[in-house]
Protein backbone atom coordinates (compact mmCIF):
# COMPACT_ATOMS: atom_id res chain seq x y z
CA UNK A 1 52.38 13.10 22.56
CA UNK A 2 52.72 14.97 19.42
CA UNK A 3 54.25 13.69 16.08
CA UNK A 4 56.00 16.22 13.73
CA UNK A 5 57.03 16.06 10.12
CA UNK A 6 58.31 18.85 7.65
CA UNK A 7 55.91 21.59 7.35
CA UNK A 8 54.97 21.58 11.11
CA UNK A 9 53.10 19.31 13.53
CA UNK A 10 50.27 17.29 13.08
CA UNK A 11 47.81 16.17 15.21
CA UNK A 12 48.18 14.15 17.97
CA UNK A 13 48.64 10.12 18.34
CA UNK A 14 45.97 9.24 20.97
CA UNK A 15 46.73 5.56 22.40
CA UNK A 16 43.57 3.15 21.92
CA UNK A 17 41.34 3.46 25.03
CA UNK A 18 42.39 1.24 28.18
CA UNK A 19 40.13 -2.03 29.05
CA UNK A 20 38.97 -1.44 25.20
CA UNK A 21 38.83 -5.34 24.97
CA UNK A 22 38.93 -4.22 20.79
CA UNK A 23 42.45 -3.63 21.36
CA UNK A 24 45.10 -5.35 19.57
CA UNK A 25 45.24 -7.15 16.36
CA UNK A 26 44.03 -10.51 18.49
CA UNK A 27 41.19 -8.61 20.15
CA UNK A 28 39.98 -7.31 16.56
CA UNK A 29 40.05 -10.57 14.88
CA UNK A 30 38.09 -12.21 17.73
CA UNK A 31 35.53 -9.02 17.65
CA UNK A 32 35.20 -9.50 13.92
CA UNK A 33 34.15 -13.20 14.53
CA UNK A 34 31.86 -12.89 17.20
CA UNK A 35 30.11 -9.87 15.76
CA UNK A 36 29.72 -11.97 12.26
CA UNK A 37 28.33 -15.09 14.07
CA UNK A 38 25.71 -12.36 15.73
CA UNK A 39 24.71 -11.14 12.64
CA UNK A 40 24.40 -14.76 11.20
CA UNK A 41 22.38 -15.44 13.79
CA UNK A 42 19.82 -12.75 13.58
CA UNK A 43 19.43 -13.13 9.72
CA UNK A 44 18.91 -17.24 10.49
CA UNK A 45 16.26 -16.10 13.05
CA UNK A 46 14.80 -13.60 11.21
CA UNK A 47 12.97 -15.54 8.29
CA UNK A 48 10.89 -17.76 10.40
CA UNK A 49 9.68 -14.50 12.40
CA UNK A 50 8.71 -12.79 8.63
CA UNK A 51 7.22 -16.15 7.78
CA UNK A 52 5.25 -16.11 10.88
CA UNK A 53 4.53 -12.32 10.62
CA UNK A 54 5.92 -12.02 13.99
CA UNK A 55 7.16 -8.32 13.96
CA UNK A 56 7.28 -7.47 17.00
CA UNK A 57 9.80 -10.75 17.46
CA UNK A 58 11.94 -9.02 14.23
CA UNK A 59 11.57 -5.78 15.39
CA UNK A 60 13.20 -6.76 18.88
CA UNK A 61 15.71 -9.19 17.14
CA UNK A 62 16.56 -6.28 14.56
CA UNK A 63 16.91 -3.22 17.56
CA UNK A 64 18.94 -5.74 19.60
CA UNK A 65 21.47 -6.69 16.84
CA UNK A 66 21.76 -3.55 16.00
CA UNK A 67 22.59 -2.22 19.29
CA UNK A 68 25.40 -5.11 20.09
CA UNK A 69 27.07 -3.81 16.74
CA UNK A 70 26.73 -0.10 17.78
CA UNK A 71 28.29 -0.90 21.25
CA UNK A 72 31.53 -3.30 20.38
CA UNK A 73 32.29 -0.88 16.72
CA UNK A 74 32.63 2.16 18.75
CA UNK A 75 35.69 2.58 21.90
CA UNK A 76 32.83 4.32 23.92
CA UNK A 77 30.87 2.37 27.00
CA UNK A 78 33.36 -0.02 28.54
CA UNK A 79 31.38 -1.78 31.06
CA UNK A 80 28.54 -2.44 28.72
CA UNK A 81 30.38 -4.51 26.72
CA UNK A 82 31.06 -6.62 29.30
CA UNK A 83 27.81 -6.51 30.36
CA UNK A 84 25.58 -6.60 27.54
CA UNK A 85 26.17 -10.90 26.81
CA UNK A 86 25.29 -11.54 30.30
CA UNK A 87 22.23 -9.01 29.94
CA UNK A 88 21.12 -10.96 26.54
CA UNK A 89 21.69 -14.31 28.06
CA UNK A 90 19.54 -13.47 31.23
CA UNK A 91 16.82 -12.11 28.85
CA UNK A 92 16.37 -14.86 26.20
CA UNK A 93 16.88 -18.08 29.18
CA UNK A 94 15.23 -16.46 31.87
CA UNK A 95 13.13 -13.48 31.33
CA UNK A 96 11.65 -14.53 28.10
CA UNK A 97 10.74 -18.18 29.34
CA UNK A 98 9.04 -16.69 32.59
CA UNK A 99 7.21 -14.13 30.62
CA UNK A 100 5.95 -16.86 27.70
CA UNK A 101 4.95 -19.02 30.99
CA UNK A 102 2.88 -16.32 32.72
CA UNK A 103 1.01 -15.14 29.12
CA UNK A 104 0.49 -19.04 28.48
CA UNK A 105 -1.06 -19.10 32.40
CA UNK A 106 -4.38 -16.83 31.15
CA UNK A 107 -5.14 -19.03 27.94
CA UNK A 108 -6.60 -22.19 27.43
CA UNK A 109 -3.27 -23.24 25.24
CA UNK A 110 -3.47 -27.35 25.44
CA UNK A 111 -4.68 -29.89 23.39
CA UNK A 112 -7.40 -29.19 21.03
CA UNK A 113 -6.63 -25.71 21.69
CA UNK A 114 -3.46 -25.20 19.96
CA UNK A 115 -3.86 -22.91 16.96
CA UNK A 116 -5.99 -20.29 15.71
CA UNK A 117 -10.02 -20.47 15.11
CA UNK A 118 -9.39 -20.79 10.80
CA UNK A 119 -7.10 -24.17 11.72
CA UNK A 120 -9.45 -25.51 13.85
CA UNK A 121 -12.08 -25.15 10.91
CA UNK A 122 -9.53 -26.98 8.60
CA UNK A 123 -9.17 -29.80 11.23
CA UNK A 124 -12.83 -30.45 11.94
CA UNK A 125 -13.48 -30.32 7.96
CA UNK A 126 -10.66 -33.02 7.11
CA UNK A 127 -11.25 -34.90 10.03
CA UNK A 128 -15.14 -35.17 8.85
CA UNK A 129 -13.68 -36.65 5.13
CA UNK A 130 -15.49 -39.73 4.25
CA UNK A 131 -15.19 -40.97 0.15
CA UNK A 132 -18.67 -41.12 -1.47
CA UNK A 133 -20.07 -41.96 -4.79
CA UNK A 134 -17.80 -39.89 -7.66
CA UNK A 135 -14.43 -39.27 -5.31
CA UNK A 136 -11.80 -38.55 -7.58
CA UNK A 137 -9.12 -40.87 -7.61
CA UNK A 138 -5.53 -40.43 -7.82
CA UNK A 139 -2.26 -42.39 -8.04
CA UNK A 140 -0.35 -41.86 -4.82
CA UNK A 141 3.13 -41.70 -3.80
CA UNK A 142 4.35 -41.43 -0.12
CA UNK A 143 7.26 -38.78 0.48
CA UNK A 144 9.09 -37.09 2.75
CA UNK A 145 11.75 -34.25 3.07
CA UNK A 146 13.32 -35.48 5.64
CA UNK A 147 14.47 -38.95 7.35
CA UNK A 148 12.12 -41.67 5.92
CA UNK A 149 11.29 -42.73 9.76
CA UNK A 150 10.27 -39.65 10.88
CA UNK A 151 10.26 -37.10 8.76
CA UNK A 152 6.68 -34.37 7.81
CA UNK A 153 4.76 -36.68 5.41
CA UNK A 154 3.94 -35.31 1.59
CA UNK A 155 1.65 -37.21 -0.69
CA UNK A 156 2.46 -37.07 -3.98
CA UNK A 157 -1.15 -37.14 -6.10
CA UNK A 158 -0.84 -37.94 -9.83
CA UNK A 159 -4.31 -36.55 -11.67
CA UNK A 160 -5.62 -39.33 -13.99
CA UNK A 161 -7.28 -36.81 -16.36
CA UNK A 162 -4.22 -33.81 -16.70
CA UNK A 163 -1.83 -36.40 -15.53
CA UNK A 164 -0.70 -33.03 -13.30
CA UNK A 165 1.42 -33.86 -10.47
CA UNK A 166 0.83 -32.20 -6.98
CA UNK A 167 2.20 -32.36 -3.53
CA UNK A 168 -0.14 -31.83 -0.33
CA UNK A 169 0.51 -31.94 3.16
CA UNK A 170 -1.54 -30.72 6.08
CA UNK A 171 -1.53 -27.06 4.89
CA UNK A 172 -2.59 -27.89 1.54
CA UNK A 173 -1.91 -29.37 -1.78
CA UNK A 174 0.28 -27.35 -4.60
CA UNK A 175 1.42 -28.15 -8.06
CA UNK A 176 4.96 -29.90 -8.94
CA UNK A 177 6.38 -28.40 -12.26
CA UNK A 178 6.57 -31.67 -14.51
CA UNK A 179 10.34 -31.00 -15.10
CA UNK A 180 11.09 -31.74 -10.89
CA UNK A 181 9.24 -34.93 -11.16
CA UNK A 182 9.27 -38.33 -12.77
CA UNK A 183 6.10 -40.50 -12.97
CA UNK A 184 5.75 -44.14 -13.90
CA UNK A 185 3.49 -45.89 -16.42
CA UNK A 186 1.22 -46.38 -13.67
CA UNK A 187 1.06 -42.39 -12.65
CA UNK A 188 2.45 -43.22 -9.70
CA UNK A 189 5.67 -40.46 -8.68
CA UNK A 190 9.04 -42.25 -8.75
CA UNK A 191 11.59 -39.73 -8.03
CA UNK A 192 10.96 -36.11 -7.44
CA UNK A 193 13.50 -33.16 -6.54
CA UNK A 194 13.58 -32.15 -3.06
CA UNK A 195 11.48 -34.79 -1.91
CA UNK A 196 12.75 -38.83 -0.74
CA UNK A 197 9.98 -41.24 -1.94
CA UNK A 198 8.99 -43.99 0.68
CA UNK A 199 9.49 -47.70 -0.19
CA UNK A 200 6.87 -49.87 0.68
CA UNK A 201 8.88 -51.35 3.72
CA UNK A 202 9.24 -47.50 5.00
CA UNK A 203 5.62 -46.65 3.98
CA UNK A 204 4.50 -49.82 6.02
CA UNK A 205 6.15 -48.69 9.54
CA UNK A 206 4.22 -45.59 8.84
CA UNK A 207 1.20 -46.73 8.10
CA UNK A 208 -1.03 -45.04 10.98
CA UNK A 209 0.37 -41.49 10.28
CA UNK A 210 -0.48 -42.19 6.58
CA UNK A 211 -4.07 -42.87 7.06
CA UNK A 212 -4.52 -40.02 9.35
CA UNK A 213 -2.92 -37.45 6.84
CA UNK A 214 -5.74 -35.46 4.86
CA UNK A 215 -4.66 -32.66 2.71
CA UNK A 216 -7.16 -29.78 2.46
CA UNK A 217 -8.99 -29.20 -1.07
CA UNK A 218 -11.73 -26.61 -1.93
CA UNK A 219 -13.86 -29.20 -2.26
CA UNK A 220 -13.00 -31.50 1.08
CA UNK A 221 -10.14 -33.23 1.61
CA UNK A 222 -7.17 -36.05 -0.14
CA UNK A 223 -6.80 -39.06 1.85
CA UNK A 224 -5.11 -42.31 1.42
CA UNK A 225 -6.73 -45.43 0.27
CA UNK A 226 -4.00 -48.31 0.77
CA UNK A 227 -0.04 -46.98 0.10
CA UNK A 228 -0.90 -46.22 -3.86
CA UNK A 229 -3.89 -44.87 -4.17
CA UNK A 230 -6.18 -41.72 -2.66
CA UNK A 231 -9.07 -39.99 -2.79
CA UNK A 232 -10.66 -36.42 -2.76
CA UNK A 233 -13.54 -37.16 -0.21
CA UNK A 234 -16.27 -34.80 0.97
CA UNK A 235 -16.44 -33.09 4.29
CA UNK A 236 -19.02 -34.26 6.44
CA UNK A 237 -19.03 -31.37 8.13
CA UNK A 238 -18.49 -27.89 6.50
CA UNK A 239 -18.22 -24.64 8.22
CA UNK A 240 -20.84 -21.59 7.70
CA UNK A 241 -20.00 -18.69 7.91
CA UNK A 242 -23.28 -16.88 8.11
CA UNK A 243 -23.78 -18.40 12.06
CA UNK A 244 -20.63 -18.76 12.47
CA UNK A 245 -20.83 -22.66 13.32
CA UNK A 246 -19.91 -26.04 11.54
CA UNK A 247 -22.88 -27.96 10.12
CA UNK A 248 -23.18 -31.57 9.54
CA UNK A 249 -24.10 -32.32 5.96
CA UNK A 250 -25.94 -35.26 6.35
CA UNK A 251 -27.70 -34.42 9.93
CA UNK A 252 -27.81 -30.07 9.89
CA UNK A 253 -26.79 -30.57 13.25
CA UNK A 254 -24.91 -27.26 14.07
CA UNK A 255 -22.14 -26.56 16.79
CA UNK A 256 -21.77 -22.67 17.18
CA UNK A 257 -18.32 -20.92 17.68
CA UNK A 258 -17.94 -19.77 21.18
CA UNK A 259 -15.05 -17.22 21.58
CA UNK A 260 -15.06 -17.53 25.57
CA UNK A 261 -14.10 -20.89 25.24
CA UNK A 262 -12.55 -21.33 21.85
CA UNK A 263 -14.83 -24.00 20.99
CA UNK A 264 -18.04 -24.95 18.61
CA UNK A 265 -20.32 -25.55 21.01
CA UNK A 266 -23.56 -27.37 20.59
CA UNK A 267 -27.17 -26.34 21.77
CA UNK A 268 -26.68 -29.46 24.45
CA UNK A 269 -23.55 -27.86 25.31
CA UNK A 270 -21.26 -30.86 23.39
CA UNK A 271 -17.95 -29.54 22.35
CA UNK A 272 -16.51 -30.21 19.00
CA UNK A 273 -12.81 -32.21 20.10
CA UNK A 274 -10.89 -29.44 17.78
CA UNK A 275 -10.87 -25.89 18.91
CA UNK A 276 -8.79 -22.54 19.43
CA UNK A 277 -6.31 -20.93 21.54
CA UNK A 278 -8.19 -17.93 23.85
CA UNK A 279 -7.86 -15.83 26.66
CA UNK A 280 -9.28 -16.85 29.43
CA UNK A 281 -8.29 -14.49 31.85
CA UNK A 282 -7.43 -15.42 35.62
CA UNK A 283 -9.37 -18.67 34.75
CA UNK A 284 -6.92 -21.43 35.47
CA UNK A 285 -5.86 -19.37 38.63
CA UNK A 286 -9.54 -19.36 40.09
CA UNK A 287 -9.90 -22.74 38.91
CA UNK A 288 -7.33 -24.15 41.11
CA UNK A 289 -8.73 -22.25 44.14
CA UNK A 290 -12.50 -22.51 43.38
CA UNK A 291 -12.97 -25.80 41.39
CA UNK A 292 -14.10 -28.10 44.55
CA UNK A 293 -12.48 -31.29 42.28
CA UNK A 294 -9.31 -29.69 42.10
CA UNK A 295 -8.37 -27.63 44.86
CA UNK A 296 -8.79 -30.10 47.61
CA UNK A 297 -6.26 -32.41 45.75
CA UNK A 298 -3.94 -29.04 45.11
CA UNK A 299 -3.82 -28.12 48.72
CA UNK A 300 -3.11 -31.47 49.48
CA UNK A 301 -0.30 -31.39 47.24
CA UNK A 302 0.79 -28.16 48.46
CA UNK A 303 1.09 -29.09 52.24
CA UNK A 304 3.26 -32.31 51.28
CA UNK A 305 4.78 -30.15 49.14
CA UNK A 306 5.87 -28.18 51.98
CA UNK A 307 6.76 -31.08 54.37
CA UNK A 308 8.91 -32.22 51.63
CA UNK A 309 11.04 -29.69 50.83
CA UNK A 310 11.10 -29.07 54.71
CA UNK A 311 12.25 -32.14 55.80
CA UNK A 312 14.80 -32.93 52.94
CA UNK A 313 16.57 -29.51 53.44
CA UNK A 314 16.49 -30.33 57.16
CA UNK A 315 17.06 -33.57 57.51
CA UNK A 316 19.91 -33.17 55.37
CA UNK A 317 21.10 -29.87 56.98
CA UNK A 318 20.98 -31.90 60.50
CA UNK A 319 23.11 -34.81 59.38
CA UNK A 320 25.57 -33.15 57.15
CA UNK A 321 26.19 -30.92 60.29
CA UNK A 322 26.47 -33.88 62.79
CA UNK A 323 28.98 -35.81 60.46
CA UNK A 324 30.90 -32.82 59.88
CA UNK A 325 31.37 -31.87 63.57
CA UNK A 326 32.49 -35.48 64.47
CA UNK A 327 35.15 -35.61 61.78
CA UNK A 328 36.39 -31.82 62.63
CA UNK A 329 37.79 -32.56 65.80
CA UNK A 330 41.70 -33.00 65.07
CA UNK A 331 41.62 -36.67 67.59
CA UNK A 332 39.94 -38.33 64.72
CA UNK A 333 42.21 -40.50 62.45
CA UNK A 334 41.48 -41.19 59.31
CA UNK A 335 39.57 -38.39 58.72
CA UNK A 336 40.35 -37.91 54.70
CA UNK A 337 39.13 -41.47 54.28
CA UNK A 338 36.00 -40.98 56.17
CA UNK A 339 34.71 -38.18 54.16
CA UNK A 340 35.68 -39.71 51.23
CA UNK A 341 33.71 -42.06 52.16
CA UNK A 342 30.83 -40.13 53.20
CA UNK A 343 30.37 -37.74 49.76
CA UNK A 344 30.24 -40.99 47.60
CA UNK A 345 26.35 -40.83 46.92
CA UNK A 346 26.84 -37.12 45.95
CA UNK A 347 29.83 -38.52 43.29
CA UNK A 348 27.09 -40.87 41.99
CA UNK A 349 24.91 -39.92 39.70
CA UNK A 350 21.46 -38.92 41.17
CA UNK A 351 18.74 -40.43 38.73
CA UNK A 352 20.53 -44.25 38.71
CA UNK A 353 20.95 -44.05 42.55
CA UNK A 354 17.23 -43.09 42.83
CA UNK A 355 16.12 -45.96 40.36
CA UNK A 356 18.49 -48.00 42.38
CA UNK A 357 16.83 -47.41 45.37
CA UNK A 358 13.18 -47.61 43.68
CA UNK A 359 14.02 -51.48 43.53
CA UNK A 360 15.72 -51.67 47.03
CA UNK A 361 12.15 -50.67 47.80
CA UNK A 362 10.42 -53.25 46.08
CA UNK A 363 7.87 -55.57 48.36
CA UNK A 364 8.77 -58.57 46.40
CA UNK A 365 12.31 -58.91 45.92
CA UNK A 366 13.74 -55.13 47.57
CA UNK A 367 16.87 -55.26 49.70
CA UNK A 368 14.72 -53.53 52.41
CA UNK A 369 12.35 -56.15 52.82
CA UNK A 370 14.79 -59.03 52.15
CA UNK A 371 17.22 -57.21 55.13
CA UNK A 372 14.93 -56.83 57.59
CA UNK A 373 12.58 -60.09 57.08
CA UNK A 374 9.46 -57.68 56.22
CA UNK A 375 6.86 -58.08 53.89
CA UNK A 376 6.26 -53.80 53.53
CA UNK A 377 4.37 -52.16 50.58
CA UNK A 378 6.40 -49.24 50.88
CA UNK A 379 5.21 -47.51 47.42
CA UNK A 380 1.62 -49.17 48.21
CA UNK A 381 0.36 -46.35 51.31
CA UNK A 382 0.80 -42.97 51.15
CA UNK A 383 2.18 -42.47 54.96
CA UNK A 384 5.25 -45.16 53.66
CA UNK A 385 6.05 -44.12 50.36
CA UNK A 386 6.37 -40.87 52.11
CA UNK A 387 8.57 -41.87 54.16
CA UNK A 388 10.67 -43.79 51.35
CA UNK A 389 11.11 -40.59 49.58
CA UNK A 390 12.42 -38.61 52.10
CA UNK A 391 14.87 -41.61 53.64
CA UNK A 392 16.22 -41.67 49.67
CA UNK A 393 16.20 -38.22 49.90
CA UNK A 394 18.00 -37.98 53.06
CA UNK A 395 20.74 -40.73 51.60
CA UNK A 396 21.55 -38.27 48.53
CA UNK A 397 21.37 -34.76 50.38
CA UNK A 398 23.67 -34.99 52.92
CA UNK A 399 26.60 -35.46 51.22
CA UNK A 400 26.43 -31.67 49.90
CA UNK A 401 25.00 -30.50 53.54
CA UNK A 402 28.68 -32.35 54.97
CA UNK A 403 30.98 -30.60 52.57
CA UNK A 404 29.31 -27.02 52.86
CA UNK A 405 29.57 -27.92 56.85
CA UNK A 406 33.07 -29.00 56.79
CA UNK A 407 33.90 -25.83 55.14
CA UNK A 408 31.96 -23.53 56.80
CA UNK A 409 33.55 -24.98 60.17
CA UNK A 410 37.32 -24.68 58.93
CA UNK A 411 36.70 -21.09 58.46
CA UNK A 412 35.73 -20.44 62.10
CA UNK A 413 38.67 -19.75 64.37
CA UNK A 414 39.13 -22.33 66.88
CA UNK A 415 40.24 -19.59 69.33
CA UNK A 416 36.76 -18.56 70.14
CA UNK A 417 35.73 -21.92 71.19
CA UNK A 418 38.75 -22.19 73.14
CA UNK A 419 38.26 -18.81 74.60
CA UNK A 420 34.42 -20.26 75.45
CA UNK A 421 35.62 -23.28 77.18
CA UNK A 422 37.95 -20.76 79.33
CA UNK A 423 34.81 -18.70 80.52
CA UNK A 424 33.37 -22.09 81.81
CA UNK A 425 30.67 -22.49 78.74
CA UNK A 426 29.94 -26.34 78.02
CA UNK A 427 30.48 -27.68 74.63
CA UNK A 428 26.76 -27.65 74.17
CA UNK A 429 26.83 -24.34 74.98
CA UNK A 430 29.47 -23.32 73.02
CA UNK A 431 27.99 -24.66 70.18
CA UNK A 432 24.82 -22.93 70.51
CA UNK A 433 25.84 -19.88 70.85
CA UNK A 434 29.48 -19.45 69.15
CA UNK A 435 29.51 -22.01 66.41
CA UNK A 436 25.89 -22.64 65.61
CA UNK A 437 25.18 -18.77 64.75
CA UNK A 438 28.36 -18.58 62.78
CA UNK A 439 27.30 -21.52 60.60
CA UNK A 440 24.43 -20.37 60.11
CA UNK A 441 25.29 -16.86 58.87
CA UNK A 442 27.47 -18.64 55.98
CA UNK A 443 25.05 -21.51 55.35
CA UNK A 444 21.43 -19.92 55.44
CA UNK A 445 21.76 -18.72 51.72
CA UNK A 446 22.86 -22.24 50.60
CA UNK A 447 19.78 -23.85 53.11
CA UNK A 448 17.43 -21.16 50.81
CA UNK A 449 18.82 -22.62 47.70
CA UNK A 450 18.46 -26.13 48.82
CA UNK A 451 14.59 -25.78 50.07
CA UNK A 452 13.55 -24.20 46.38
CA UNK A 453 15.64 -27.11 44.53
CA UNK A 454 13.48 -29.69 47.03
CA UNK A 455 10.84 -28.06 46.37
CA UNK A 456 10.99 -28.75 43.04
CA UNK A 457 12.65 -31.94 42.72
CA UNK A 458 11.31 -33.31 40.17
CA UNK A 459 13.53 -36.66 39.62
CA UNK A 460 13.01 -37.66 43.59
CA UNK A 461 9.71 -38.08 42.75
CA UNK A 462 9.07 -39.13 39.39
CA UNK A 463 12.31 -41.80 39.21
CA UNK A 464 10.96 -43.78 42.53
CA UNK A 465 7.09 -43.08 42.70
CA UNK A 466 5.97 -41.37 39.71
CA UNK A 467 3.55 -39.82 42.27
CA UNK A 468 2.08 -43.17 43.68
CA UNK A 469 -0.06 -44.20 45.75
CA UNK A 470 -3.29 -42.89 43.65
CA UNK A 471 -6.61 -42.36 44.70
CA UNK A 472 -9.16 -44.58 43.29
CA UNK A 473 -11.29 -41.24 42.71
CA UNK A 474 -8.31 -39.25 41.43
CA UNK A 475 -5.39 -40.99 39.43
CA UNK A 476 -4.06 -37.41 38.09
CA UNK A 477 -3.09 -36.51 42.18
CA UNK A 478 -0.83 -39.08 43.66
CA UNK A 479 0.06 -39.05 47.75
CA UNK A 480 3.74 -38.38 46.87
CA UNK A 481 3.04 -35.80 44.04
CA UNK A 482 4.81 -32.72 43.88
CA UNK A 483 3.22 -29.69 42.44
CA UNK A 484 5.64 -29.98 40.22
CA UNK A 485 5.02 -33.48 39.05
CA UNK A 486 1.62 -32.58 39.31
CA UNK A 487 2.00 -30.48 36.97
CA UNK A 488 3.82 -32.08 34.69
CA UNK A 489 1.31 -34.81 34.44
CA UNK A 490 -1.23 -32.49 33.58
CA UNK A 491 0.96 -31.10 30.86
CA UNK A 492 1.90 -34.37 29.36
CA UNK A 493 -0.56 -36.92 30.92
CA UNK A 494 -2.55 -39.06 28.62
CA UNK A 495 -5.65 -37.14 29.28
CA UNK A 496 -4.94 -34.21 27.36
CA UNK A 497 -2.23 -31.69 27.46
CA UNK A 498 -3.37 -28.54 29.33
CA UNK A 499 -0.50 -26.43 29.05
CA UNK A 500 -2.63 -23.28 30.09
CA UNK A 501 -3.69 -24.85 33.47
CA UNK A 502 -0.04 -26.21 34.04
CA UNK A 503 1.57 -22.89 33.29
CA UNK A 504 -1.20 -21.40 35.99
CA UNK A 505 0.39 -23.34 38.76
CA UNK A 506 3.58 -22.94 37.37
CA UNK A 507 2.93 -19.23 38.75
CA UNK A 508 1.80 -20.41 42.25
CA UNK A 509 5.57 -22.89 42.24
CA UNK A 510 7.50 -19.61 42.24
CA UNK A 511 5.49 -17.40 43.64
CA UNK A 512 5.63 -19.69 46.84
CA UNK A 513 9.41 -19.87 46.17
CA UNK A 514 10.22 -16.55 46.01
CA UNK A 515 8.03 -15.65 48.82
CA UNK A 516 9.75 -17.80 51.24
CA UNK A 517 12.94 -17.09 50.02
CA UNK A 518 12.70 -13.11 50.34
CA UNK A 519 11.70 -13.87 53.93
CA UNK A 520 14.43 -16.23 54.49
CA UNK A 521 16.82 -13.79 52.76
CA UNK A 522 15.73 -11.04 55.25
CA UNK A 523 16.59 -13.26 58.11
CA UNK A 524 19.73 -14.08 56.69
CA UNK A 525 20.42 -9.90 56.70
CA UNK A 526 19.63 -9.86 60.47
CA UNK A 527 22.12 -12.61 61.32
CA UNK A 528 24.58 -10.38 59.49
CA UNK A 529 23.77 -7.77 61.20
CA UNK A 530 24.31 -9.44 64.35
CA UNK A 531 27.01 -11.17 64.00
CA UNK A 532 28.95 -8.22 62.32
């Protein structure tokens, strides 16, 4: 199509490319808003990356933002316009967490090994600060930059000689401009721009945090002495750069830095509690396989984990299929009512039902023992506790299998069953040779996903038994623990978090589920080829 005007023809008018999501006023408006949000999020995310000097992350952020702007501001690459959002979300919420977990598995990251070596030195020195004769005294006001009940604490201290007010936290001390604070007659700060001064009642509720806070200084650290006074104490342990060690100023004892373990170690093997994050190679993985105190419980847990996943998946499948077959016959009256009743467990919140079942298995007042007149300590023995959690999972899981089996049965033509009966096949023979193979083609992928879910079914164990019962010699690994609950206890247990070790176990879990899924999917393709 060519437009004309006085003086001759002009350039042809070309329509917008078909399928361009930016076509039309509404499309352009949506595109502008979404791109504006993308740029705003990128700017918001850039500041913490710059502050922490994470230049690689900043480069990836800039490249991704520039790529998205180029992609959606040009009329080309139509398929990529639809694939890009899903790809970005996949990388952000799937690939990145997996890679981060894998990288953590090769470190000693955990309690006492979270930060850098310099941060460990500062923590060791400030933790050893004590008040000595001649320590400088300060008027103290406790404040926060956030919520009074949970925000980060800040010490507003007033030098008694210069009347200079400084603000201090775990990162250090900084002077506050005189015009930004109001100082009372006692020297204490009564108001400060950008800070919320805690009342006596609010400070009392956080007294433990106030006592624990130490503000690093050149001479040692500032610590509180009550809620209105503070002192600059002297560090009892100091870092000596010459020997790369921590030296006790009173006794002269030293702890030398060991870069292999990320800690200061004494001549007798004693380690200081505060260390730093270092790479340990395959140490966490070999620890699982070679440490006798860990390998035995780990493999026992693995065997039970597989048994639990197989029993839960197989049991729910068999029970769900039997109920679906029973209600598939047109001779059954009230099928709709039965189906509604059978899916009720699936409609209930699983976490609430797990808590109810835990109480039902209670030895003293549980419904199970009360109904049968028994006094079984269900969660006291390994066998009974494992049976209990499998029964609970059977009750919670069969409605899902019942629903999918019902749908798959309705998709199988009845003519096939009728033809098999005409050919003389029995009901069992027709089911085994015709119905079941056709069901497995449709249901095998669902069984694989159900196995993967049950293999990592954290709620089923943690909300019923919490992994119990525990042997006397290993309170960290219970008889009903799955690898996922065992990993959780390691990562967040009261004995100290070991994130690197927990990440290594997570990699083992990932590999096990991936191998089982790959083999099962290959079997599924074989079934599809046979029945295609």
